């Protein structure tokens, strides 16, 4: 949610890559350290493209017209 709300008009692919890097290489090792997440034959690199797809789907869903926008569309 933080990434969706901060700088909403920024390039979505750049934000998706930042989210993927953060969640794959910082959040997952942290939860592994806390022993909440125990990977079995799974490398953090495998999660990177999955996290990008998760962000892109969340971005798409948050921009649907059914939801009240938390961003302002630019008038061209």
N, C-alpha and C. Protein backbone atom coordinates (compact mmCIF):
# COMPACT_ATOMS: atom_id res chain seq x y z
N UNK A 1 0.83 -1.18 0.00
CA UNK A 1 0.00 0.00 0.00
C UNK A 1 0.87 1.25 0.00
N UNK A 2 1.97 1.20 0.70
CA UNK A 2 2.85 2.36 0.75
C UNK A 2 3.34 2.73 -0.64
N UNK A 3 3.79 1.74 -1.40
CA UNK A 3 4.32 2.00 -2.74
C UNK A 3 3.22 2.50 -3.68
N UNK A 4 2.00 2.05 -3.48
CA UNK A 4 0.91 2.52 -4.34
C UNK A 4 0.55 3.97 -4.06
N UNK A 5 0.69 4.40 -2.83
CA UNK A 5 0.25 5.74 -2.46
C UNK A 5 1.33 6.81 -2.61
N UNK A 6 2.58 6.45 -2.49
CA UNK A 6 3.66 7.42 -2.61
C UNK A 6 4.00 7.63 -4.08
N UNK A 7 4.04 8.87 -4.50
CA UNK A 7 4.32 9.25 -5.89
C UNK A 7 3.45 8.44 -6.86
N UNK A 8 2.14 8.60 -6.83
CA UNK A 8 1.25 7.78 -7.64
C UNK A 8 1.41 7.95 -9.15
N UNK A 9 2.02 9.04 -9.60
CA UNK A 9 2.19 9.24 -11.04
C UNK A 9 3.56 8.81 -11.54
N UNK A 10 4.36 8.21 -10.68
CA UNK A 10 5.68 7.71 -11.08
C UNK A 10 5.52 6.48 -11.97
N UNK A 11 6.53 6.19 -12.76
CA UNK A 11 6.49 5.03 -13.65
C UNK A 11 6.24 3.75 -12.85
N UNK A 12 5.20 3.03 -13.22
CA UNK A 12 4.77 1.86 -12.46
C UNK A 12 5.81 0.73 -12.53
N UNK A 13 6.53 0.59 -13.63
CA UNK A 13 7.53 -0.47 -13.72
C UNK A 13 8.71 -0.23 -12.80
N UNK A 14 9.11 1.03 -12.66
CA UNK A 14 10.20 1.35 -11.74
C UNK A 14 9.78 1.03 -10.31
N UNK A 15 8.56 1.41 -9.96
CA UNK A 15 8.06 1.12 -8.61
C UNK A 15 7.92 -0.38 -8.39
N UNK A 16 7.52 -1.12 -9.42
CA UNK A 16 7.38 -2.57 -9.29
C UNK A 16 8.74 -3.22 -9.04
N UNK A 17 9.77 -2.76 -9.73
CA UNK A 17 11.11 -3.32 -9.53
C UNK A 17 11.62 -2.98 -8.14
N UNK A 18 11.41 -1.75 -7.69
CA UNK A 18 11.82 -1.36 -6.34
C UNK A 18 11.10 -2.22 -5.31
N UNK A 19 9.79 -2.42 -5.49
CA UNK A 19 9.02 -3.26 -4.58
C UNK A 19 9.56 -4.70 -4.59
N UNK A 20 9.84 -5.22 -5.79
CA UNK A 20 10.35 -6.59 -5.91
C UNK A 20 11.68 -6.75 -5.21
N UNK A 21 12.57 -5.77 -5.40
CA UNK A 21 13.88 -5.83 -4.74
C UNK A 21 13.73 -5.76 -3.22
N UNK A 22 12.90 -4.83 -2.76
CA UNK A 22 12.71 -4.67 -1.32
C UNK A 22 12.11 -5.93 -0.69
N UNK A 23 11.04 -6.44 -1.28
CA UNK A 23 10.37 -7.57 -0.66
C UNK A 23 11.17 -8.87 -0.79
N UNK A 24 11.90 -9.03 -1.89
CA UNK A 24 12.64 -10.28 -2.09
C UNK A 24 13.95 -10.32 -1.32
N UNK A 25 14.66 -9.20 -1.25
CA UNK A 25 16.00 -9.22 -0.67
C UNK A 25 16.11 -8.56 0.70
N UNK A 26 15.04 -7.94 1.17
CA UNK A 26 15.07 -7.35 2.51
C UNK A 26 13.99 -7.99 3.39
N UNK A 27 12.73 -8.00 2.92
CA UNK A 27 11.63 -8.51 3.74
C UNK A 27 11.72 -10.02 3.95
N UNK A 28 11.95 -10.77 2.88
CA UNK A 28 12.00 -12.23 3.03
C UNK A 28 13.16 -12.69 3.91
N UNK A 29 14.39 -12.15 3.74
CA UNK A 29 15.45 -12.55 4.68
C UNK A 29 15.15 -12.15 6.13
N UNK A 30 14.48 -11.01 6.30
CA UNK A 30 14.11 -10.60 7.65
C UNK A 30 13.15 -11.61 8.28
N UNK A 31 12.14 -12.03 7.54
CA UNK A 31 11.19 -13.00 8.08
C UNK A 31 11.82 -14.38 8.23
N UNK A 32 12.80 -14.68 7.40
CA UNK A 32 13.53 -15.93 7.60
C UNK A 32 14.35 -15.85 8.90
N UNK A 33 14.96 -14.70 9.14
CA UNK A 33 15.72 -14.49 10.37
C UNK A 33 14.83 -14.61 11.60
N UNK A 34 13.58 -14.12 11.50
CA UNK A 34 12.63 -14.25 12.61
C UNK A 34 12.06 -15.66 12.73
N UNK A 35 12.39 -16.52 11.79
CA UNK A 35 11.91 -17.90 11.73
C UNK A 35 10.41 -17.99 11.50
N UNK A 36 9.86 -16.99 10.81
CA UNK A 36 8.46 -17.01 10.40
C UNK A 36 8.35 -17.69 9.04
N UNK A 37 9.40 -17.54 8.26
CA UNK A 37 9.44 -18.05 6.88
C UNK A 37 10.64 -18.97 6.77
N UNK A 38 10.39 -20.22 6.39
CA UNK A 38 11.47 -21.19 6.26
C UNK A 38 11.50 -21.70 4.82
N UNK A 39 12.38 -21.14 3.98
CA UNK A 39 12.43 -21.60 2.59
C UNK A 39 13.09 -22.97 2.49
N UNK A 40 12.47 -23.83 1.71
CA UNK A 40 13.03 -25.15 1.45
C UNK A 40 13.31 -25.22 -0.04
N UNK A 41 14.59 -25.25 -0.41
CA UNK A 41 15.03 -25.26 -1.81
C UNK A 41 14.44 -24.06 -2.57
N UNK A 42 14.44 -22.91 -1.96
CA UNK A 42 13.90 -21.69 -2.57
C UNK A 42 14.91 -20.57 -2.35
N UNK A 43 15.28 -19.91 -3.43
CA UNK A 43 16.18 -18.78 -3.33
C UNK A 43 15.38 -17.48 -3.41
N UNK A 44 15.86 -16.44 -2.78
CA UNK A 44 15.14 -15.17 -2.77
C UNK A 44 14.99 -14.60 -4.17
N UNK A 45 15.93 -14.94 -5.04
CA UNK A 45 15.86 -14.47 -6.43
C UNK A 45 14.63 -15.01 -7.15
N UNK A 46 14.17 -16.18 -6.78
CA UNK A 46 12.97 -16.74 -7.40
C UNK A 46 11.74 -15.87 -7.11
N UNK A 47 11.73 -15.22 -5.97
CA UNK A 47 10.59 -14.40 -5.57
C UNK A 47 10.52 -13.06 -6.30
N UNK A 48 11.65 -12.61 -6.83
CA UNK A 48 11.71 -11.27 -7.43
C UNK A 48 10.67 -11.07 -8.55
N UNK A 49 10.59 -11.92 -9.58
CA UNK A 49 9.57 -11.68 -10.61
C UNK A 49 8.15 -11.86 -10.09
N UNK A 50 7.96 -12.74 -9.13
CA UNK A 50 6.64 -12.94 -8.54
C UNK A 50 6.19 -11.67 -7.82
N UNK A 51 7.10 -11.04 -7.09
CA UNK A 51 6.77 -9.81 -6.37
C UNK A 51 6.45 -8.67 -7.34
N UNK A 52 7.13 -8.63 -8.47
CA UNK A 52 6.84 -7.61 -9.48
C UNK A 52 5.42 -7.80 -10.01
N UNK A 53 5.05 -9.02 -10.31
CA UNK A 53 3.70 -9.31 -10.81
C UNK A 53 2.66 -8.95 -9.74
N UNK A 54 2.93 -9.27 -8.49
CA UNK A 54 2.00 -8.92 -7.41
C UNK A 54 1.79 -7.42 -7.35
N UNK A 55 2.88 -6.65 -7.47
CA UNK A 55 2.74 -5.19 -7.43
C UNK A 55 1.94 -4.68 -8.63
N UNK A 56 2.21 -5.21 -9.82
CA UNK A 56 1.50 -4.75 -11.01
C UNK A 56 0.01 -5.05 -10.93
N UNK A 57 -0.36 -6.20 -10.39
CA UNK A 57 -1.77 -6.54 -10.21
C UNK A 57 -2.41 -5.60 -9.18
N UNK A 58 -1.72 -5.35 -8.08
CA UNK A 58 -2.25 -4.43 -7.07
C UNK A 58 -2.40 -3.03 -7.65
N UNK A 59 -1.45 -2.60 -8.45
CA UNK A 59 -1.54 -1.28 -9.08
C UNK A 59 -2.75 -1.21 -10.01
N UNK A 60 -2.93 -2.24 -10.81
CA UNK A 60 -4.07 -2.28 -11.73
C UNK A 60 -5.39 -2.23 -10.96
N UNK A 61 -5.50 -3.04 -9.92
CA UNK A 61 -6.74 -3.09 -9.15
C UNK A 61 -7.01 -1.76 -8.44
N UNK A 62 -5.97 -1.10 -7.99
CA UNK A 62 -6.17 0.17 -7.28
C UNK A 62 -6.58 1.29 -8.22
N UNK A 63 -6.35 1.14 -9.50
CA UNK A 63 -6.68 2.18 -10.48
C UNK A 63 -8.03 1.96 -11.16
N UNK A 64 -8.70 0.88 -10.82
CA UNK A 64 -10.01 0.63 -11.42
C UNK A 64 -11.00 1.71 -11.02
N UNK A 65 -11.93 1.97 -11.87
CA UNK A 65 -12.92 3.03 -11.63
C UNK A 65 -13.87 2.71 -10.48
N UNK A 66 -13.99 1.46 -10.08
CA UNK A 66 -14.87 1.09 -8.98
C UNK A 66 -14.41 1.68 -7.65
N UNK A 67 -13.12 1.93 -7.52
CA UNK A 67 -12.56 2.45 -6.28
C UNK A 67 -12.45 3.96 -6.36
N UNK A 68 -12.64 4.61 -5.22
CA UNK A 68 -12.43 6.06 -5.23
C UNK A 68 -10.92 6.30 -5.31
N UNK A 69 -10.50 7.13 -6.21
CA UNK A 69 -9.05 7.29 -6.43
C UNK A 69 -8.38 8.02 -5.27
N UNK A 70 -7.19 7.55 -4.93
CA UNK A 70 -6.39 8.25 -3.94
C UNK A 70 -5.31 9.06 -4.63
N UNK A 71 -5.44 9.22 -5.90
CA UNK A 71 -4.51 10.01 -6.70
C UNK A 71 -5.34 10.91 -7.60
N UNK A 72 -4.73 11.93 -8.13
CA UNK A 72 -5.42 12.83 -9.05
C UNK A 72 -4.87 12.59 -10.45
N UNK A 73 -5.78 12.38 -11.37
CA UNK A 73 -5.37 12.21 -12.75
C UNK A 73 -4.95 13.55 -13.32
N UNK A 74 -3.91 13.52 -14.12
CA UNK A 74 -3.45 14.76 -14.75
C UNK A 74 -4.37 15.09 -15.92
N UNK A 75 -4.76 16.33 -16.01
CA UNK A 75 -5.56 16.78 -17.15
C UNK A 75 -4.63 17.23 -18.26
N UNK A 76 -4.72 16.58 -19.38
CA UNK A 76 -3.87 16.95 -20.52
C UNK A 76 -4.63 17.78 -21.49
